[in-house]
Amino acid sequence: MFGFIFGALVGGAAAWWWRRDIQTYVERTLPDVREKTADRLTALEQRAEEALGKAREKIDRMRPSGSQQSRDTTSSRTPSNYTQGTGV
């Protein structure tokens, strides 16, 4: 327990001592990190949309033409009990 408290005090003192250096580092690097993260998330979103579109096309080609009508009628119905058989 003493080690934890001592470590917290030393860590707090070090953060206070170098606070200005830490603050300038964060202010310099944080906008770059945000931009890079936003760019990567946008690219990931586009790739996911493309993959889902390709999968949807493949599924539509594999499905017989008559099953489209039955799928449309079953999707409008809501299941009466989602927890059936799960014990909930």
PDB file of N, CA and C in Angstrom:
ATOM      1  N   MET A   1       0.827  -1.192   0.000  1.00  0.00           N
ATOM      2  CA  MET A   1       0.000   0.000   0.000  1.00  0.00           C
ATOM      3  C   MET A   1       0.871   1.255   0.000  1.00  0.00           C
ATOM      4  N   PHE A   2       1.960   1.189   0.754  1.00  0.00           N
ATOM      5  CA  PHE A   2       2.869   2.333   0.799  1.00  0.00           C
ATOM      6  C   PHE A   2       3.456   2.617  -0.583  1.00  0.00           C
ATOM      7  N   GLY A   3       3.798   1.555  -1.311  1.00  0.00           N
ATOM      8  CA  GLY A   3       4.366   1.725  -2.651  1.00  0.00           C
ATOM      9  C   GLY A   3       3.399   2.402  -3.603  1.00  0.00           C
ATOM     10  N   PHE A   4       2.140   2.052  -3.495  1.00  0.00           N
ATOM     11  CA  PHE A   4       1.124   2.658  -4.357  1.00  0.00           C
ATOM     12  C   PHE A   4       0.991   4.146  -4.056  1.00  0.00           C
ATOM     13  N   ILE A   5       0.884   4.493  -2.799  1.00  0.00           N
ATOM     14  CA  ILE A   5       0.740   5.903  -2.419  1.00  0.00           C
ATOM     15  C   ILE A   5       1.991   6.685  -2.801  1.00  0.00           C
ATOM     16  N   PHE A   6       3.158   6.119  -2.546  1.00  0.00           N
ATOM     17  CA  PHE A   6       4.410   6.776  -2.900  1.00  0.00           C
ATOM     18  C   PHE A   6       4.499   6.978  -4.421  1.00  0.00           C
ATOM     19  N   GLY A   7       4.126   5.972  -5.177  1.00  0.00           N
ATOM     20  CA  GLY A   7       4.151   6.084  -6.635  1.00  0.00           C
ATOM     21  C   GLY A   7       3.185   7.144  -7.146  1.00  0.00           C
ATOM     22  N   ALA A   8       2.009   7.215  -6.541  1.00  0.00           N
ATOM     23  CA  ALA A   8       1.033   8.234  -6.940  1.00  0.00           C
ATOM     24  C   ALA A   8       1.563   9.631  -6.645  1.00  0.00           C
ATOM     25  N   LEU A   9       2.205   9.813  -5.489  1.00  0.00           N
ATOM     26  CA  LEU A   9       2.767  11.120  -5.152  1.00  0.00           C
ATOM     27  C   LEU A   9       3.909  11.498  -6.097  1.00  0.00           C
ATOM     28  N   VAL A  10       4.803  10.554  -6.367  1.00  0.00           N
ATOM     29  CA  VAL A  10       5.917  10.831  -7.270  1.00  0.00           C
ATOM     30  C   VAL A  10       5.409  11.106  -8.679  1.00  0.00           C
ATOM     31  N   GLY A  11       4.425  10.341  -9.144  1.00  0.00           N
ATOM     32  CA  GLY A  11       3.843  10.573 -10.462  1.00  0.00           C
ATOM     33  C   GLY A  11       3.170  11.930 -10.552  1.00  0.00           C
ATOM     34  N   GLY A  12       2.461  12.308  -9.520  1.00  0.00           N
ATOM     35  CA  GLY A  12       1.819  13.626  -9.489  1.00  0.00           C
ATOM     36  C   GLY A  12       2.839  14.754  -9.488  1.00  0.00           C
ATOM     37  N   ALA A  13       3.912  14.579  -8.721  1.00  0.00           N
ATOM     38  CA  ALA A  13       4.970  15.595  -8.688  1.00  0.00           C
ATOM     39  C   ALA A  13       5.649  15.710 -10.049  1.00  0.00           C
ATOM     40  N   ALA A  14       5.898  14.586 -10.703  1.00  0.00           N
ATOM     41  CA  ALA A  14       6.538  14.614 -12.019  1.00  0.00           C
ATOM     42  C   ALA A  14       5.626  15.287 -13.042  1.00  0.00           C
ATOM     43  N   ALA A  15       4.335  14.989 -13.005  1.00  0.00           N
ATOM     44  CA  ALA A  15       3.387  15.626 -13.928  1.00  0.00           C
ATOM     45  C   ALA A  15       3.318  17.135 -13.672  1.00  0.00           C
ATOM     46  N   TRP A  16       3.367  17.540 -12.402  1.00  0.00           N
ATOM     47  CA  TRP A  16       3.337  18.963 -12.084  1.00  0.00           C
ATOM     48  C   TRP A  16       4.624  19.648 -12.557  1.00  0.00           C
ATOM     49  N   TRP A  17       5.761  18.992 -12.356  1.00  0.00           N
ATOM     50  CA  TRP A  17       7.061  19.570 -12.719  1.00  0.00           C
ATOM     51  C   TRP A  17       7.190  19.772 -14.237  1.00  0.00           C
ATOM     52  N   TRP A  18       6.728  18.791 -15.019  1.00  0.00           N
ATOM     53  CA  TRP A  18       6.856  18.850 -16.471  1.00  0.00           C
ATOM     54  C   TRP A  18       5.537  19.178 -17.165  1.00  0.00           C
ATOM     55  N   ARG A  19       4.625  19.809 -16.455  1.00  0.00           N
ATOM     56  CA  ARG A  19       3.291  20.077 -16.991  1.00  0.00           C
ATOM     57  C   ARG A  19       3.329  20.926 -18.251  1.00  0.00           C
ATOM     58  N   ARG A  20       4.197  21.902 -18.297  1.00  0.00           N
ATOM     59  CA  ARG A  20       4.259  22.768 -19.469  1.00  0.00           C
ATOM     60  C   ARG A  20       4.769  21.993 -20.686  1.00  0.00           C
ATOM     61  N   ASP A  21       5.765  21.159 -20.496  1.00  0.00           N
ATOM     62  CA  ASP A  21       6.272  20.323 -21.591  1.00  0.00           C
ATOM     63  C   ASP A  21       5.209  19.340 -22.079  1.00  0.00           C
ATOM     64  N   ILE A  22       4.513  18.745 -21.133  1.00  0.00           N
ATOM     65  CA  ILE A  22       3.453  17.794 -21.481  1.00  0.00           C
ATOM     66  C   ILE A  22       2.343  18.510 -22.236  1.00  0.00           C
ATOM     67  N   GLN A  23       1.967  19.703 -21.783  1.00  0.00           N
ATOM     68  CA  GLN A  23       0.884  20.448 -22.409  1.00  0.00           C
ATOM     69  C   GLN A  23       1.250  20.860 -23.836  1.00  0.00           C
ATOM     70  N   THR A  24       2.463  21.336 -24.059  1.00  0.00           N
ATOM     71  CA  THR A  24       2.849  21.718 -25.422  1.00  0.00           C
ATOM     72  C   THR A  24       2.928  20.500 -26.334  1.00  0.00           C
ATOM     73  N   TYR A  25       3.382  19.365 -25.809  1.00  0.00           N
ATOM     74  CA  TYR A  25       3.433  18.144 -26.613  1.00  0.00           C
ATOM     75  C   TYR A  25       2.027  17.725 -27.039  1.00  0.00           C
ATOM     76  N   VAL A  26       1.098  17.755 -26.112  1.00  0.00           N
ATOM     77  CA  VAL A  26      -0.273  17.354 -26.409  1.00  0.00           C
ATOM     78  C   VAL A  26      -0.910  18.336 -27.397  1.00  0.00           C
ATOM     79  N   GLU A  27      -0.684  19.617 -27.221  1.00  0.00           N
ATOM     80  CA  GLU A  27      -1.258  20.606 -28.122  1.00  0.00           C
ATOM     81  C   GLU A  27      -0.701  20.483 -29.536  1.00  0.00           C
ATOM     82  N   ARG A  28       0.556  20.079 -29.658  1.00  0.00           N
ATOM     83  CA  ARG A  28       1.164  19.914 -30.978  1.00  0.00           C
ATOM     84  C   ARG A  28       0.702  18.654 -31.667  1.00  0.00           C
ATOM     85  N   THR A  29       0.595  17.554 -30.956  1.00  0.00           N
ATOM     86  CA  THR A  29       0.327  16.261 -31.585  1.00  0.00           C
ATOM     87  C   THR A  29      -1.150  15.901 -31.658  1.00  0.00           C
ATOM     88  N   LEU A  30      -1.971  16.402 -30.764  1.00  0.00           N
ATOM     89  CA  LEU A  30      -3.373  15.997 -30.726  1.00  0.00           C
ATOM     90  C   LEU A  30      -4.134  16.342 -32.001  1.00  0.00           C
ATOM     91  N   PRO A  31      -3.989  17.541 -32.577  1.00  0.00           N
ATOM     92  CA  PRO A  31      -4.727  17.807 -33.830  1.00  0.00           C
ATOM     93  C   PRO A  31      -4.317  16.857 -34.957  1.00  0.00           C
ATOM     94  N   ASP A  32      -3.043  16.506 -35.058  1.00  0.00           N
ATOM     95  CA  ASP A  32      -2.604  15.564 -36.083  1.00  0.00           C
ATOM     96  C   ASP A  32      -3.223  14.189 -35.878  1.00  0.00           C
ATOM     97  N   VAL A  33      -3.265  13.754 -34.640  1.00  0.00           N
ATOM     98  CA  VAL A  33      -3.839  12.440 -34.331  1.00  0.00           C
ATOM     99  C   VAL A  33      -5.322  12.426 -34.661  1.00  0.00           C
ATOM    100  N   ARG A  34      -6.023  13.500 -34.347  1.00  0.00           N
ATOM    101  CA  ARG A  34      -7.456  13.570 -34.649  1.00  0.00           C
ATOM    102  C   ARG A  34      -7.703  13.504 -36.150  1.00  0.00           C
ATOM    103  N   GLU A  35      -6.909  14.244 -36.924  1.00  0.00           N
ATOM    104  CA  GLU A  35      -7.088  14.235 -38.376  1.00  0.00           C
ATOM    105  C   GLU A  35      -6.795  12.859 -38.957  1.00  0.00           C
ATOM    106  N   LYS A  36      -5.719  12.234 -38.503  1.00  0.00           N
ATOM    107  CA  LYS A  36      -5.370  10.904 -39.003  1.00  0.00           C
ATOM    108  C   LYS A  36      -6.454   9.889 -38.644  1.00  0.00           C
ATOM    109  N   THR A  37      -6.954   9.978 -37.431  1.00  0.00           N
ATOM    110  CA  THR A  37      -8.003   9.058 -37.007  1.00  0.00           C
ATOM    111  C   THR A  37      -9.273   9.265 -37.822  1.00  0.00           C
ATOM    112  N   ALA A  38      -9.652  10.511 -38.063  1.00  0.00           N
ATOM    113  CA  ALA A  38     -10.843  10.785 -38.869  1.00  0.00           C
ATOM    114  C   ALA A  38     -10.667  10.263 -40.292  1.00  0.00           C
ATOM    115  N   ASP A  39      -9.482  10.444 -40.870  1.00  0.00           N
ATOM    116  CA  ASP A  39      -9.220   9.933 -42.219  1.00  0.00           C
ATOM    117  C   ASP A  39      -9.308   8.416 -42.268  1.00  0.00           C
ATOM    118  N   ARG A  40      -8.730   7.764 -41.272  1.00  0.00           N
ATOM    119  CA  ARG A  40      -8.764   6.296 -41.244  1.00  0.00           C
ATOM    120  C   ARG A  40     -10.174   5.773 -41.048  1.00  0.00           C
ATOM    121  N   LEU A  41     -10.954   6.428 -40.194  1.00  0.00           N
ATOM    122  CA  LEU A  41     -12.341   5.993 -39.987  1.00  0.00           C
ATOM    123  C   LEU A  41     -13.177   6.195 -41.245  1.00  0.00           C
ATOM    124  N   THR A  42     -12.924   7.272 -41.977  1.00  0.00           N
ATOM    125  CA  THR A  42     -13.639   7.506 -43.225  1.00  0.00           C
ATOM    126  C   THR A  42     -13.300   6.436 -44.246  1.00  0.00           C
ATOM    127  N   ALA A  43     -12.010   6.110 -44.348  1.00  0.00           N
ATOM    128  CA  ALA A  43     -11.590   5.066 -45.284  1.00  0.00           C
ATOM    129  C   ALA A  43     -12.190   3.719 -44.894  1.00  0.00           C
ATOM    130  N   LEU A  44     -12.223   3.425 -43.592  1.00  0.00           N
ATOM    131  CA  LEU A  44     -12.809   2.177 -43.113  1.00  0.00           C
ATOM    132  C   LEU A  44     -14.303   2.122 -43.423  1.00  0.00           C
ATOM    133  N   GLU A  45     -14.979   3.231 -43.248  1.00  0.00           N
ATOM    134  CA  GLU A  45     -16.409   3.285 -43.548  1.00  0.00           C
ATOM    135  C   GLU A  45     -16.663   3.014 -45.029  1.00  0.00           C
ATOM    136  N   GLN A  46     -15.861   3.609 -45.893  1.00  0.00           N
ATOM    137  CA  GLN A  46     -16.030   3.399 -47.329  1.00  0.00           C
ATOM    138  C   GLN A  46     -15.772   1.947 -47.704  1.00  0.00           C
ATOM    139  N   ARG A  47     -14.726   1.350 -47.126  1.00  0.00           N
ATOM    140  CA  ARG A  47     -14.424  -0.047 -47.423  1.00  0.00           C
ATOM    141  C   ARG A  47     -15.539  -0.964 -46.933  1.00  0.00           C
ATOM    142  N   ALA A  48     -16.092  -0.666 -45.761  1.00  0.00           N
ATOM    143  CA  ALA A  48     -17.182  -1.491 -45.225  1.00  0.00           C
ATOM    144  C   ALA A  48     -18.424  -1.380 -46.098  1.00  0.00           C
ATOM    145  N   GLU A  49     -18.730  -0.169 -46.568  1.00  0.00           N
ATOM    146  CA  GLU A  49     -19.884   0.000 -47.448  1.00  0.00           C
ATOM    147  C   GLU A  49     -19.696  -0.758 -48.757  1.00  0.00           C
ATOM    148  N   GLU A  50     -18.483  -0.713 -49.311  1.00  0.00           N
ATOM    149  CA  GLU A  50     -18.210  -1.442 -50.544  1.00  0.00           C
ATOM    150  C   GLU A  50     -18.352  -2.950 -50.327  1.00  0.00           C
ATOM    151  N   ALA A  51     -17.812  -3.437 -49.216  1.00  0.00           N
ATOM    152  CA  ALA A  51     -17.901  -4.871 -48.932  1.00  0.00           C
ATOM    153  C   ALA A  51     -19.345  -5.307 -48.743  1.00  0.00           C
ATOM    154  N   LEU A  52     -20.134  -4.510 -48.029  1.00  0.00           N
ATOM    155  CA  LEU A  52     -21.543  -4.855 -47.837  1.00  0.00           C
ATOM    156  C   LEU A  52     -22.312  -4.812 -49.159  1.00  0.00           C
ATOM    157  N   GLY A  53     -21.994  -3.851 -49.994  1.00  0.00           N
ATOM    158  CA  GLY A  53     -22.650  -3.775 -51.299  1.00  0.00           C
ATOM    159  C   GLY A  53     -22.327  -4.985 -52.156  1.00  0.00           C
ATOM    160  N   LYS A  54     -21.056  -5.407 -52.161  1.00  0.00           N
ATOM    161  CA  LYS A  54     -20.666  -6.588 -52.931  1.00  0.00           C
ATOM    162  C   LYS A  54     -21.346  -7.839 -52.385  1.00  0.00           C
ATOM    163  N   ALA A  55     -21.388  -7.963 -51.063  1.00  0.00           N
ATOM    164  CA  ALA A  55     -22.039  -9.124 -50.457  1.00  0.00           C
ATOM    165  C   ALA A  55     -23.526  -9.140 -50.786  1.00  0.00           C
ATOM    166  N   ARG A  56     -24.154  -7.985 -50.738  1.00  0.00           N
ATOM    167  CA  ARG A  56     -25.587  -7.899 -51.051  1.00  0.00           C
ATOM    168  C   ARG A  56     -25.844  -8.305 -52.501  1.00  0.00           C
ATOM    169  N   GLU A  57     -24.966  -7.859 -53.406  1.00  0.00           N
ATOM    170  CA  GLU A  57     -25.115  -8.233 -54.813  1.00  0.00           C
ATOM    171  C   GLU A  57     -24.973  -9.737 -55.003  1.00  0.00           C
ATOM    172  N   LYS A  58     -24.000 -10.337 -54.335  1.00  0.00           N
ATOM    173  CA  LYS A  58     -23.795 -11.785 -54.458  1.00  0.00           C
ATOM    174  C   LYS A  58     -24.984 -12.551 -53.910  1.00  0.00           C
ATOM    175  N   ILE A  59     -25.492 -12.104 -52.789  1.00  0.00           N
ATOM    176  CA  ILE A  59     -26.644 -12.784 -52.196  1.00  0.00           C
ATOM    177  C   ILE A  59     -27.855 -12.657 -53.101  1.00  0.00           C
ATOM    178  N   ASP A  60     -28.066 -11.465 -53.666  1.00  0.00           N
ATOM    179  CA  ASP A  60     -29.200 -11.270 -54.567  1.00  0.00           C
ATOM    180  C   ASP A  60     -29.080 -12.141 -55.809  1.00  0.00           C
ATOM    181  N   ARG A  61     -27.869 -12.336 -56.318  1.00  0.00           N
ATOM    182  CA  ARG A  61     -27.687 -13.191 -57.497  1.00  0.00           C
ATOM    183  C   ARG A  61     -27.927 -14.655 -57.158  1.00  0.00           C
ATOM    184  N   MET A  62     -27.594 -15.068 -55.950  1.00  0.00           N
ATOM    185  CA  MET A  62     -27.744 -16.472 -55.555  1.00  0.00           C
ATOM    186  C   MET A  62     -29.184 -16.815 -55.205  1.00  0.00           C
ATOM    187  N   ARG A  63     -29.967 -15.835 -54.761  1.00  0.00           N
ATOM    188  CA  ARG A  63     -31.334 -16.076 -54.320  1.00  0.00           C
ATOM    189  C   ARG A  63     -32.230 -16.275 -55.536  1.00  0.00           C
ATOM    190  N   PRO A  64     -33.079 -17.290 -55.501  1.00  0.00           N
ATOM    191  CA  PRO A  64     -34.052 -17.467 -56.592  1.00  0.00           C
ATOM    192  C   PRO A  64     -35.009 -16.284 -56.632  1.00  0.00           C
ATOM    193  N   SER A  65     -35.568 -16.010 -57.793  1.00  0.00           N
ATOM    194  CA  SER A  65     -36.424 -14.832 -57.971  1.00  0.00           C
ATOM    195  C   SER A  65     -37.692 -14.903 -57.124  1.00  0.00           C
ATOM    196  N   GLY A  66     -38.228 -16.070 -56.850  1.00  0.00           N
ATOM    197  CA  GLY A  66     -39.450 -16.207 -56.060  1.00  0.00           C
ATOM    198  C   GLY A  66     -39.239 -15.932 -54.590  1.00  0.00           C
ATOM    199  N   SER A  67     -38.027 -16.043 -54.090  1.00  0.00           N
ATOM    200  CA  SER A  67     -37.810 -15.835 -52.662  1.00  0.00           C
ATOM    201  C   SER A  67     -37.827 -14.370 -52.283  1.00  0.00           C
ATOM    202  N   GLN A  68     -37.694 -13.457 -53.239  1.00  0.00           N
ATOM    203  CA  GLN A  68     -37.761 -12.028 -52.947  1.00  0.00           C
ATOM    204  C   GLN A  68     -39.131 -11.662 -52.393  1.00  0.00           C
ATOM    205  N   GLN A  69     -40.172 -12.200 -52.981  1.00  0.00           N
ATOM    206  CA  GLN A  69     -41.517 -11.893 -52.529  1.00  0.00           C
ATOM    207  C   GLN A  69     -41.752 -12.456 -51.128  1.00  0.00           C
ATOM    208  N   SER A  70     -41.312 -13.683 -50.869  1.00  0.00           N
ATOM    209  CA  SER A  70     -41.531 -14.256 -49.548  1.00  0.00           C
ATOM    210  C   SER A  70     -40.706 -13.528 -48.500  1.00  0.00           C
ATOM    211  N   ARG A  71     -39.524 -13.029 -48.854  1.00  0.00           N
ATOM    212  CA  ARG A  71     -38.710 -12.297 -47.905  1.00  0.00           C
ATOM    213  C   ARG A  71     -39.374 -10.972 -47.553  1.00  0.00           C
ATOM    214  N   ASP A  72     -39.966 -10.312 -48.534  1.00  0.00           N
ATOM    215  CA  ASP A  72     -40.626  -9.042 -48.278  1.00  0.00           C
ATOM    216  C   ASP A  72     -41.810  -9.207 -47.345  1.00  0.00           C
ATOM    217  N   THR A  73     -42.565 -10.274 -47.499  1.00  0.00           N
ATOM    218  CA  THR A  73     -43.728 -10.467 -46.640  1.00  0.00           C
ATOM    219  C   THR A  73     -43.316 -10.890 -45.242  1.00  0.00           C
ATOM    220  N   THR A  74     -42.235 -11.651 -45.094  1.00  0.00           N
ATOM    221  CA  THR A  74     -41.818 -12.065 -43.759  1.00  0.00           C
ATOM    222  C   THR A  74     -41.102 -10.949 -43.026  1.00  0.00           C
ATOM    223  N   SER A  75     -40.459 -10.022 -43.741  1.00  0.00           N
ATOM    224  CA  SER A  75     -39.758  -8.948 -43.045  1.00  0.00           C
ATOM    225  C   SER A  75     -40.728  -7.941 -42.450  1.00  0.00           C
ATOM    226  N   SER A  76     -41.946  -7.864 -42.970  1.00  0.00           N
ATOM    227  CA  SER A  76     -42.909  -6.916 -42.420  1.00  0.00           C
ATOM    228  C   SER A  76     -43.531  -7.440 -41.134  1.00  0.00           C
ATOM    229  N   ARG A  77     -43.490  -8.738 -40.945  1.00  0.00           N
ATOM    230  CA  ARG A  77     -44.017  -9.307 -39.703  1.00  0.00           C
ATOM    231  C   ARG A  77     -42.964  -9.198 -38.620  1.00  0.00           C
ATOM    232  N   THR A  78     -43.396  -9.014 -37.394  1.00  0.00           N
ATOM    233  CA  THR A  78     -42.463  -8.981 -36.270  1.00  0.00           C
ATOM    234  C   THR A  78     -42.633 -10.263 -35.484  1.00  0.00           C
ATOM    235  N   PRO A  79     -41.532 -10.855 -35.049  1.00  0.00           N
ATOM    236  CA  PRO A  79     -41.646 -12.073 -34.241  1.00  0.00           C
ATOM    237  C   PRO A  79     -42.369 -11.771 -32.941  1.00  0.00           C
ATOM    238  N   SER A  80     -43.149 -12.748 -32.484  1.00  0.00           N
ATOM    239  CA  SER A  80     -43.951 -12.514 -31.290  1.00  0.00           C
ATOM    240  C   SER A  80     -43.099 -12.585 -30.027  1.00  0.00           C
ATOM    241  N   ASN A  81     -42.032 -13.392 -30.029  1.00  0.00           N
ATOM    242  CA  ASN A  81     -41.239 -13.543 -28.812  1.00  0.00           C
ATOM    243  C   ASN A  81     -39.792 -13.817 -29.196  1.00  0.00           C
ATOM    244  N   TYR A  82     -38.920 -12.849 -28.974  1.00  0.00           N
ATOM    245  CA  TYR A  82     -37.513 -13.010 -29.310  1.00  0.00           C
ATOM    246  C   TYR A  82     -36.798 -13.949 -28.343  1.00  0.00           C
ATOM    247  N   THR A  83     -37.270 -14.073 -27.130  1.00  0.00           N
ATOM    248  CA  THR A  83     -36.569 -14.846 -26.120  1.00  0.00           C
ATOM    249  C   THR A  83     -37.044 -16.288 -26.046  1.00  0.00           C
ATOM    250  N   GLN A  84     -37.808 -16.725 -26.983  1.00  0.00           N
ATOM    251  CA  GLN A  84     -38.331 -18.089 -26.955  1.00  0.00           C
ATOM    252  C   GLN A  84     -37.200 -19.095 -26.987  1.00  0.00           C
ATOM    253  N   GLY A  85     -37.168 -19.985 -26.045  1.00  0.00           N
ATOM    254  CA  GLY A  85     -36.172 -21.052 -25.990  1.00  0.00           C
ATOM    255  C   GLY A  85     -34.867 -20.655 -25.322  1.00  0.00           C
ATOM    256  N   THR A  86     -34.740 -19.409 -24.884  1.00  0.00           N
ATOM    257  CA  THR A  86     -33.489 -18.980 -24.238  1.00  0.00           C
ATOM    258  C   THR A  86     -33.591 -19.022 -22.726  1.00  0.00           C
ATOM    259  N   GLY A  87     -34.755 -19.230 -22.198  1.00  0.00           N
ATOM    260  CA  GLY A  87     -34.926 -19.317 -20.750  1.00  0.00           C
ATOM    261  C   GLY A  87     -35.047 -17.951 -20.092  1.00  0.00           C
ATOM    262  N   VAL A  88     -35.200 -16.917 -20.888  1.00  0.00           N
ATOM    263  CA  VAL A  88     -35.297 -15.574 -20.309  1.00  0.00           C
ATOM    264  C   VAL A  88     -36.742 -15.190 -20.139  1.00  0.00           C
TER     265      VAL A  88
END
